[in-house]
């Protein structure tokens, strides 16, 4: 699957998720890292030295495959030990 095809799927899936949850992207100035916040969860995608394709692959796994993605519950800042898996 090409990067363009993955981008299209990610966008379609994001629009689907956004019907029920807010999606916020926060970029890290240290490189190609973005933190994705969905509802009360978060996940970092990319890496300092990641290429655009690698960031797209991470976003594709997050929004399409939901493979091995666990979110830290940020509902209460004092309870970082709680983990939840988002199912959408």
PDB file of N, CA and C in Angstrom:
ATOM      1  N   UNK A   1       0.846  -1.170   0.000  1.00  0.00           N
ATOM      2  CA  UNK A   1       0.000   0.000   0.000  1.00  0.00           C
ATOM      3  C   UNK A   1       0.901   1.245   0.000  1.00  0.00           C
ATOM      4  N   UNK A   2       0.544   2.207  -0.810  1.00  0.00           N
ATOM      5  CA  UNK A   2       1.363   3.413  -0.917  1.00  0.00           C
ATOM      6  C   UNK A   2       1.092   4.360   0.257  1.00  0.00           C
ATOM      7  N   UNK A   3       1.993   5.304   0.440  1.00  0.00           N
ATOM      8  CA  UNK A   3       1.816   6.315   1.481  1.00  0.00           C
ATOM      9  C   UNK A   3       0.566   7.137   1.214  1.00  0.00           C
ATOM     10  N   UNK A   4       0.309   7.472  -0.052  1.00  0.00           N
ATOM     11  CA  UNK A   4      -0.899   8.238  -0.396  1.00  0.00           C
ATOM     12  C   UNK A   4      -2.164   7.472  -0.020  1.00  0.00           C
ATOM     13  N   UNK A   5      -2.187   6.171  -0.273  1.00  0.00           N
ATOM     14  CA  UNK A   5      -3.342   5.349   0.083  1.00  0.00           C
ATOM     15  C   UNK A   5      -3.530   5.304   1.600  1.00  0.00           C
ATOM     16  N   UNK A   6      -2.420   5.179   2.324  1.00  0.00           N
ATOM     17  CA  UNK A   6      -2.494   5.170   3.790  1.00  0.00           C
ATOM     18  C   UNK A   6      -3.003   6.507   4.312  1.00  0.00           C
ATOM     19  N   UNK A   7      -2.552   7.611   3.717  1.00  0.00           N
ATOM     20  CA  UNK A   7      -3.006   8.942   4.130  1.00  0.00           C
ATOM     21  C   UNK A   7      -4.512   9.074   3.954  1.00  0.00           C
ATOM     22  N   UNK A   8      -5.023   8.574   2.854  1.00  0.00           N
ATOM     23  CA  UNK A   8      -6.463   8.633   2.598  1.00  0.00           C
ATOM     24  C   UNK A   8      -7.232   7.826   3.661  1.00  0.00           C
ATOM     25  N   UNK A   9      -6.749   6.634   3.964  1.00  0.00           N
ATOM     26  CA  UNK A   9      -7.399   5.788   4.961  1.00  0.00           C
ATOM     27  C   UNK A   9      -7.341   6.448   6.337  1.00  0.00           C
ATOM     28  N   UNK A  10      -6.180   7.022   6.688  1.00  0.00           N
ATOM     29  CA  UNK A  10      -6.036   7.704   7.980  1.00  0.00           C
ATOM     30  C   UNK A  10      -7.046   8.849   8.078  1.00  0.00           C
ATOM     31  N   UNK A  11      -7.156   9.647   7.029  1.00  0.00           N
ATOM     32  CA  UNK A  11      -8.090  10.772   7.052  1.00  0.00           C
ATOM     33  C   UNK A  11      -9.536  10.296   7.173  1.00  0.00           C
ATOM     34  N   UNK A  12      -9.902   9.267   6.412  1.00  0.00           N
ATOM     35  CA  UNK A  12     -11.263   8.727   6.509  1.00  0.00           C
ATOM     36  C   UNK A  12     -11.544   8.217   7.921  1.00  0.00           C
ATOM     37  N   UNK A  13     -10.582   7.522   8.488  1.00  0.00           N
ATOM     38  CA  UNK A  13     -10.745   6.951   9.832  1.00  0.00           C
ATOM     39  C   UNK A  13     -10.803   8.048  10.893  1.00  0.00           C
ATOM     40  N   UNK A  14      -9.973   9.090  10.715  1.00  0.00           N
ATOM     41  CA  UNK A  14     -10.001  10.221  11.648  1.00  0.00           C
ATOM     42  C   UNK A  14     -11.373  10.886  11.643  1.00  0.00           C
ATOM     43  N   UNK A  15     -11.949  11.056  10.472  1.00  0.00           N
ATOM     44  CA  UNK A  15     -13.277  11.665  10.377  1.00  0.00           C
ATOM     45  C   UNK A  15     -14.316  10.802  11.086  1.00  0.00           C
ATOM     46  N   UNK A  16     -14.140   9.500  10.992  1.00  0.00           N
ATOM     47  CA  UNK A  16     -15.021   8.557  11.689  1.00  0.00           C
ATOM     48  C   UNK A  16     -14.884   8.696  13.209  1.00  0.00           C
ATOM     49  N   UNK A  17     -13.652   8.697  13.683  1.00  0.00           N
ATOM     50  CA  UNK A  17     -13.382   8.804  15.123  1.00  0.00           C
ATOM     51  C   UNK A  17     -13.867  10.151  15.653  1.00  0.00           C
ATOM     52  N   UNK A  18     -13.692  11.209  14.859  1.00  0.00           N
ATOM     53  CA  UNK A  18     -14.050  12.567  15.294  1.00  0.00           C
ATOM     54  C   UNK A  18     -15.548  12.747  15.477  1.00  0.00           C
ATOM     55  N   UNK A  19     -16.351  11.807  15.003  1.00  0.00           N
ATOM     56  CA  UNK A  19     -17.796  11.877  15.238  1.00  0.00           C
ATOM     57  C   UNK A  19     -18.115  11.691  16.716  1.00  0.00           C
ATOM     58  N   UNK A  20     -17.248  10.961  17.427  1.00  0.00           N
ATOM     59  CA  UNK A  20     -17.499  10.655  18.837  1.00  0.00           C
ATOM     60  C   UNK A  20     -16.471  11.231  19.799  1.00  0.00           C
ATOM     61  N   UNK A  21     -15.269  11.503  19.332  1.00  0.00           N
ATOM     62  CA  UNK A  21     -14.190  11.987  20.198  1.00  0.00           C
ATOM     63  C   UNK A  21     -13.438  13.124  19.525  1.00  0.00           C
ATOM     64  N   UNK A  22     -12.913  14.027  20.355  1.00  0.00           N
ATOM     65  CA  UNK A  22     -12.031  15.069  19.833  1.00  0.00           C
ATOM     66  C   UNK A  22     -10.679  14.452  19.518  1.00  0.00           C
ATOM     67  N   UNK A  23     -10.051  14.922  18.456  1.00  0.00           N
ATOM     68  CA  UNK A  23      -8.699  14.502  18.092  1.00  0.00           C
ATOM     69  C   UNK A  23      -7.837  15.758  18.097  1.00  0.00           C
ATOM     70  N   UNK A  24      -6.750  15.711  18.858  1.00  0.00           N
ATOM     71  CA  UNK A  24      -5.828  16.847  18.937  1.00  0.00           C
ATOM     72  C   UNK A  24      -4.431  16.337  18.608  1.00  0.00           C
ATOM     73  N   UNK A  25      -3.716  17.090  17.775  1.00  0.00           N
ATOM     74  CA  UNK A  25      -2.325  16.771  17.447  1.00  0.00           C
ATOM     75  C   UNK A  25      -1.432  17.814  18.090  1.00  0.00           C
ATOM     76  N   UNK A  26      -0.399  17.348  18.784  1.00  0.00           N
ATOM     77  CA  UNK A  26       0.600  18.252  19.358  1.00  0.00           C
ATOM     78  C   UNK A  26       1.959  17.819  18.830  1.00  0.00           C
ATOM     79  N   UNK A  27       2.617  18.709  18.129  1.00  0.00           N
ATOM     80  CA  UNK A  27       3.922  18.385  17.558  1.00  0.00           C
ATOM     81  C   UNK A  27       5.041  18.667  18.534  1.00  0.00           C
ATOM     82  N   UNK A  28       6.043  17.793  18.498  1.00  0.00           N
ATOM     83  CA  UNK A  28       7.236  17.939  19.311  1.00  0.00           C
ATOM     84  C   UNK A  28       8.255  18.670  18.448  1.00  0.00           C
ATOM     85  N   UNK A  29       8.831  19.732  18.950  1.00  0.00           N
ATOM     86  CA  UNK A  29       9.777  20.522  18.160  1.00  0.00           C
ATOM     87  C   UNK A  29      11.106  19.813  17.945  1.00  0.00           C
ATOM     88  N   UNK A  30      11.317  18.664  18.624  1.00  0.00           N
ATOM     89  CA  UNK A  30      12.595  17.961  18.507  1.00  0.00           C
ATOM     90  C   UNK A  30      12.706  17.133  17.226  1.00  0.00           C
ATOM     91  N   UNK A  31      11.644  16.972  16.503  1.00  0.00           N
ATOM     92  CA  UNK A  31      11.716  16.161  15.296  1.00  0.00           C
ATOM     93  C   UNK A  31      10.347  15.842  14.771  1.00  0.00           C
ATOM     94  N   UNK A  32      10.246  14.747  14.057  1.00  0.00           N
ATOM     95  CA  UNK A  32       8.985  14.335  13.461  1.00  0.00           C
ATOM     96  C   UNK A  32       8.178  13.467  14.420  1.00  0.00           C
ATOM     97  N   UNK A  33       7.873  14.041  15.575  1.00  0.00           N
ATOM     98  CA  UNK A  33       7.074  13.356  16.581  1.00  0.00           C
ATOM     99  C   UNK A  33       5.797  14.162  16.766  1.00  0.00           C
ATOM    100  N   UNK A  34       4.680  13.482  16.753  1.00  0.00           N
ATOM    101  CA  UNK A  34       3.425  14.139  17.077  1.00  0.00           C
ATOM    102  C   UNK A  34       2.712  13.314  18.130  1.00  0.00           C
ATOM    103  N   UNK A  35       2.143  13.986  19.102  1.00  0.00           N
ATOM    104  CA  UNK A  35       1.336  13.313  20.104  1.00  0.00           C
ATOM    105  C   UNK A  35      -0.114  13.468  19.683  1.00  0.00           C
ATOM    106  N   UNK A  36      -0.807  12.342  19.584  1.00  0.00           N
ATOM    107  CA  UNK A  36      -2.210  12.344  19.196  1.00  0.00           C
ATOM    108  C   UNK A  36      -3.034  12.123  20.453  1.00  0.00           C
ATOM    109  N   UNK A  37      -3.929  13.051  20.725  1.00  0.00           N
ATOM    110  CA  UNK A  37      -4.835  12.930  21.868  1.00  0.00           C
ATOM    111  C   UNK A  37      -6.229  12.640  21.335  1.00  0.00           C
ATOM    112  N   UNK A  38      -6.804  11.535  21.819  1.00  0.00           N
ATOM    113  CA  UNK A  38      -8.157  11.149  21.424  1.00  0.00           C
ATOM    114  C   UNK A  38      -8.941  10.932  22.712  1.00  0.00           C
ATOM    115  N   UNK A  39      -9.959  11.737  22.895  1.00  0.00           N
ATOM    116  CA  UNK A  39     -10.708  11.629  24.143  1.00  0.00           C
ATOM    117  C   UNK A  39      -9.785  11.845  25.317  1.00  0.00           C
ATOM    118  N   UNK A  40      -9.685  10.835  26.185  1.00  0.00           N
ATOM    119  CA  UNK A  40      -8.813  10.934  27.348  1.00  0.00           C
ATOM    120  C   UNK A  40      -7.532  10.137  27.168  1.00  0.00           C
ATOM    121  N   UNK A  41      -7.173   9.780  25.946  1.00  0.00           N
ATOM    122  CA  UNK A  41      -5.977   8.995  25.712  1.00  0.00           C
ATOM    123  C   UNK A  41      -4.988   9.731  24.841  1.00  0.00           C
ATOM    124  N   UNK A  42      -3.766   9.209  24.824  1.00  0.00           N
ATOM    125  CA  UNK A  42      -2.734   9.824  23.978  1.00  0.00           C
ATOM    126  C   UNK A  42      -1.773   8.764  23.466  1.00  0.00           C
ATOM    127  N   UNK A  43      -1.157   9.066  22.347  1.00  0.00           N
ATOM    128  CA  UNK A  43      -0.178   8.168  21.728  1.00  0.00           C
ATOM    129  C   UNK A  43       0.804   9.009  20.929  1.00  0.00           C
ATOM    130  N   UNK A  44       2.092   8.728  21.094  1.00  0.00           N
ATOM    131  CA  UNK A  44       3.111   9.396  20.288  1.00  0.00           C
ATOM    132  C   UNK A  44       3.300   8.633  18.989  1.00  0.00           C
ATOM    133  N   UNK A  45       3.366   9.359  17.902  1.00  0.00           N
ATOM    134  CA  UNK A  45       3.621   8.774  16.594  1.00  0.00           C
ATOM    135  C   UNK A  45       4.861   9.430  16.011  1.00  0.00           C
ATOM    136  N   UNK A  46       5.674   8.628  15.325  1.00  0.00           N
ATOM    137  CA  UNK A  46       6.904   9.135  14.735  1.00  0.00           C
ATOM    138  C   UNK A  46       8.073   9.028  15.692  1.00  0.00           C
ATOM    139  N   UNK A  47       9.164   9.683  15.316  1.00  0.00           N
ATOM    140  CA  UNK A  47      10.390   9.706  16.115  1.00  0.00           C
ATOM    141  C   UNK A  47      11.204  10.917  15.679  1.00  0.00           C
ATOM    142  N   UNK A  48      12.220  11.256  16.458  1.00  0.00           N
ATOM    143  CA  UNK A  48      13.042  12.428  16.113  1.00  0.00           C
ATOM    144  C   UNK A  48      13.564  12.363  14.692  1.00  0.00           C
ATOM    145  N   UNK A  49      14.002  11.171  14.279  1.00  0.00           N
ATOM    146  CA  UNK A  49      14.594  11.033  12.949  1.00  0.00           C
ATOM    147  C   UNK A  49      13.660  10.333  11.960  1.00  0.00           C
ATOM    148  N   UNK A  50      12.365  10.303  12.260  1.00  0.00           N
ATOM    149  CA  UNK A  50      11.401   9.607  11.405  1.00  0.00           C
ATOM    150  C   UNK A  50      11.184  10.366  10.101  1.00  0.00           C
ATOM    151  N   UNK A  51      11.000   9.587   9.062  1.00  0.00           N
ATOM    152  CA  UNK A  51      10.636  10.176   7.769  1.00  0.00           C
ATOM    153  C   UNK A  51       9.120  10.402   7.756  1.00  0.00           C
ATOM    154  N   UNK A  52       8.660  11.115   6.753  1.00  0.00           N
ATOM    155  CA  UNK A  52       7.222  11.330   6.591  1.00  0.00           C
ATOM    156  C   UNK A  52       6.498   9.992   6.475  1.00  0.00           C
ATOM    157  N   UNK A  53       7.066   9.072   5.706  1.00  0.00           N
ATOM    158  CA  UNK A  53       6.454   7.748   5.534  1.00  0.00           C
ATOM    159  C   UNK A  53       6.328   7.007   6.862  1.00  0.00           C
ATOM    160  N   UNK A  54       7.333   7.131   7.725  1.00  0.00           N
ATOM    161  CA  UNK A  54       7.287   6.462   9.024  1.00  0.00           C
ATOM    162  C   UNK A  54       6.191   7.061   9.919  1.00  0.00           C
ATOM    163  N   UNK A  55       6.029   8.370   9.867  1.00  0.00           N
ATOM    164  CA  UNK A  55       4.969   9.017  10.644  1.00  0.00           C
ATOM    165  C   UNK A  55       3.604   8.562  10.125  1.00  0.00           C
ATOM    166  N   UNK A  56       3.457   8.517   8.805  1.00  0.00           N
ATOM    167  CA  UNK A  56       2.198   8.050   8.208  1.00  0.00           C
ATOM    168  C   UNK A  56       1.928   6.609   8.625  1.00  0.00           C
ATOM    169  N   UNK A  57       2.950   5.771   8.625  1.00  0.00           N
ATOM    170  CA  UNK A  57       2.773   4.371   9.036  1.00  0.00           C
ATOM    171  C   UNK A  57       2.279   4.273  10.476  1.00  0.00           C
ATOM    172  N   UNK A  58       2.848   5.099  11.369  1.00  0.00           N
ATOM    173  CA  UNK A  58       2.400   5.098  12.763  1.00  0.00           C
ATOM    174  C   UNK A  58       0.945   5.550  12.871  1.00  0.00           C
ATOM    175  N   UNK A  59       0.592   6.603  12.141  1.00  0.00           N
ATOM    176  CA  UNK A  59      -0.785   7.086  12.161  1.00  0.00           C
ATOM    177  C   UNK A  59      -1.734   6.050  11.565  1.00  0.00           C
ATOM    178  N   UNK A  60      -1.287   5.362  10.536  1.00  0.00           N
ATOM    179  CA  UNK A  60      -2.097   4.303   9.915  1.00  0.00           C
ATOM    180  C   UNK A  60      -2.359   3.181  10.913  1.00  0.00           C
ATOM    181  N   UNK A  61      -1.306   2.765  11.628  1.00  0.00           N
ATOM    182  CA  UNK A  61      -1.480   1.720  12.642  1.00  0.00           C
ATOM    183  C   UNK A  61      -2.420   2.185  13.756  1.00  0.00           C
ATOM    184  N   UNK A  62      -2.312   3.457  14.135  1.00  0.00           N
ATOM    185  CA  UNK A  62      -3.147   3.989  15.204  1.00  0.00           C
ATOM    186  C   UNK A  62      -4.618   4.048  14.792  1.00  0.00           C
ATOM    187  N   UNK A  63      -4.890   4.645  13.634  1.00  0.00           N
ATOM    188  CA  UNK A  63      -6.274   4.892  13.251  1.00  0.00           C
ATOM    189  C   UNK A  63      -6.929   3.749  12.495  1.00  0.00           C
ATOM    190  N   UNK A  64      -6.157   2.925  11.830  1.00  0.00           N
ATOM    191  CA  UNK A  64      -6.772   1.868  11.033  1.00  0.00           C
ATOM    192  C   UNK A  64      -6.660   0.498  11.678  1.00  0.00           C
ATOM    193  N   UNK A  65      -5.464   0.150  12.112  1.00  0.00           N
ATOM    194  CA  UNK A  65      -5.259  -1.195  12.626  1.00  0.00           C
ATOM    195  C   UNK A  65      -5.400  -1.286  14.133  1.00  0.00           C
ATOM    196  N   UNK A  66      -5.152  -0.176  14.838  1.00  0.00           N
ATOM    197  CA  UNK A  66      -5.211  -0.161  16.304  1.00  0.00           C
ATOM    198  C   UNK A  66      -4.401  -1.326  16.884  1.00  0.00           C
ATOM    199  N   UNK A  67      -3.217  -1.549  16.306  1.00  0.00           N
ATOM    200  CA  UNK A  67      -2.369  -2.669  16.698  1.00  0.00           C
ATOM    201  C   UNK A  67      -1.448  -2.247  17.838  1.00  0.00           C
ATOM    202  N   UNK A  68      -1.597  -2.901  18.971  1.00  0.00           N
ATOM    203  CA  UNK A  68      -0.686  -2.685  20.085  1.00  0.00           C
ATOM    204  C   UNK A  68      -0.677  -1.283  20.626  1.00  0.00           C
ATOM    205  N   UNK A  69      -1.746  -0.539  20.442  1.00  0.00           N
ATOM    206  CA  UNK A  69      -1.787   0.843  20.911  1.00  0.00           C
ATOM    207  C   UNK A  69      -2.497   0.885  22.248  1.00  0.00           C
ATOM    208  N   UNK A  70      -1.761   1.281  23.277  1.00  0.00           N
ATOM    209  CA  UNK A  70      -2.430   1.495  24.557  1.00  0.00           C
ATOM    210  C   UNK A  70      -2.285   2.965  24.893  1.00  0.00           C
ATOM    211  N   UNK A  71      -3.296   3.511  25.463  1.00  0.00           N
ATOM    212  CA  UNK A  71      -3.321   4.923  25.793  1.00  0.00           C
ATOM    213  C   UNK A  71      -3.211   5.097  27.297  1.00  0.00           C
ATOM    214  N   UNK A  72      -2.415   6.044  27.732  1.00  0.00           N
ATOM    215  CA  UNK A  72      -2.376   6.408  29.145  1.00  0.00           C
ATOM    216  C   UNK A  72      -3.613   7.243  29.418  1.00  0.00           C
ATOM    217  N   UNK A  73      -4.308   6.915  30.461  1.00  0.00           N
ATOM    218  CA  UNK A  73      -5.495   7.667  30.830  1.00  0.00           C
ATOM    219  C   UNK A  73      -5.056   9.002  31.404  1.00  0.00           C
ATOM    220  N   UNK A  74      -5.368  10.096  30.732  1.00  0.00           N
ATOM    221  CA  UNK A  74      -4.963  11.417  31.224  1.00  0.00           C
ATOM    222  C   UNK A  74      -6.152  12.153  31.844  1.00  0.00           C
ATOM    223  N   UNK A  75      -7.201  11.400  32.180  1.00  0.00           N
ATOM    224  CA  UNK A  75      -8.369  11.996  32.806  1.00  0.00           C
ATOM    225  C   UNK A  75      -8.006  12.630  34.143  1.00  0.00           C
ATOM    226  N   UNK A  76      -7.085  12.007  34.862  1.00  0.00           N
ATOM    227  CA  UNK A  76      -6.619  12.523  36.145  1.00  0.00           C
ATOM    228  C   UNK A  76      -5.095  12.506  36.126  1.00  0.00           C
ATOM    229  N   UNK A  77      -4.469  13.672  36.126  1.00  0.00           N
ATOM    230  CA  UNK A  77      -3.014  13.772  36.014  1.00  0.00           C
ATOM    231  C   UNK A  77      -2.261  13.025  37.100  1.00  0.00           C
ATOM    232  N   UNK A  78      -2.882  12.778  38.246  1.00  0.00           N
ATOM    233  CA  UNK A  78      -2.204  12.093  39.345  1.00  0.00           C
ATOM    234  C   UNK A  78      -2.228  10.579  39.214  1.00  0.00           C
ATOM    235  N   UNK A  79      -2.945  10.051  38.250  1.00  0.00           N
ATOM    236  CA  UNK A  79      -3.094   8.607  38.134  1.00  0.00           C
ATOM    237  C   UNK A  79      -2.575   8.107  36.798  1.00  0.00           C
ATOM    238  N   UNK A  80      -1.279   8.267  36.543  1.00  0.00           N
ATOM    239  CA  UNK A  80      -0.698   7.850  35.277  1.00  0.00           C
ATOM    240  C   UNK A  80      -0.560   6.335  35.170  1.00  0.00           C
ATOM    241  N   UNK A  81      -0.814   5.586  36.247  1.00  0.00           N
ATOM    242  CA  UNK A  81      -0.711   4.136  36.201  1.00  0.00           C
ATOM    243  C   UNK A  81      -1.917   3.484  35.537  1.00  0.00           C
ATOM    244  N   UNK A  82      -3.015   4.229  35.397  1.00  0.00           N
ATOM    245  CA  UNK A  82      -4.198   3.658  34.751  1.00  0.00           C
ATOM    246  C   UNK A  82      -3.973   3.647  33.241  1.00  0.00           C
ATOM    247  N   UNK A  83      -4.267   2.512  32.623  1.00  0.00           N
ATOM    248  CA  UNK A  83      -4.160   2.386  31.171  1.00  0.00           C
ATOM    249  C   UNK A  83      -5.488   1.913  30.624  1.00  0.00           C
ATOM    250  N   UNK A  84      -5.784   2.368  29.459  1.00  0.00           N
ATOM    251  CA  UNK A  84      -7.006   1.911  28.818  1.00  0.00           C
ATOM    252  C   UNK A  84      -6.725   1.752  27.321  1.00  0.00           C
ATOM    253  N   UNK A  85      -7.409   0.864  26.700  1.00  0.00           N
ATOM    254  CA  UNK A  85      -7.321   0.687  25.259  1.00  0.00           C
ATOM    255  C   UNK A  85      -8.586   1.296  24.657  1.00  0.00           C
ATOM    256  N   UNK A  86      -8.399   2.179  23.698  1.00  0.00           N
ATOM    257  CA  UNK A  86      -9.551   2.764  23.046  1.00  0.00           C
ATOM    258  C   UNK A  86     -10.081   1.801  21.996  1.00  0.00           C
ATOM    259  N   UNK A  87     -11.345   1.616  21.966  1.00  0.00           N
ATOM    260  CA  UNK A  87     -11.987   0.774  20.953  1.00  0.00           C
ATOM    261  C   UNK A  87     -12.936   1.637  20.157  1.00  0.00           C
ATOM    262  N   UNK A  88     -12.650   1.809  18.910  1.00  0.00           N
ATOM    263  CA  UNK A  88     -13.537   2.586  18.047  1.00  0.00           C
ATOM    264  C   UNK A  88     -13.607   1.948  16.700  1.00  0.00           C
TER     265      UNK A  88
END
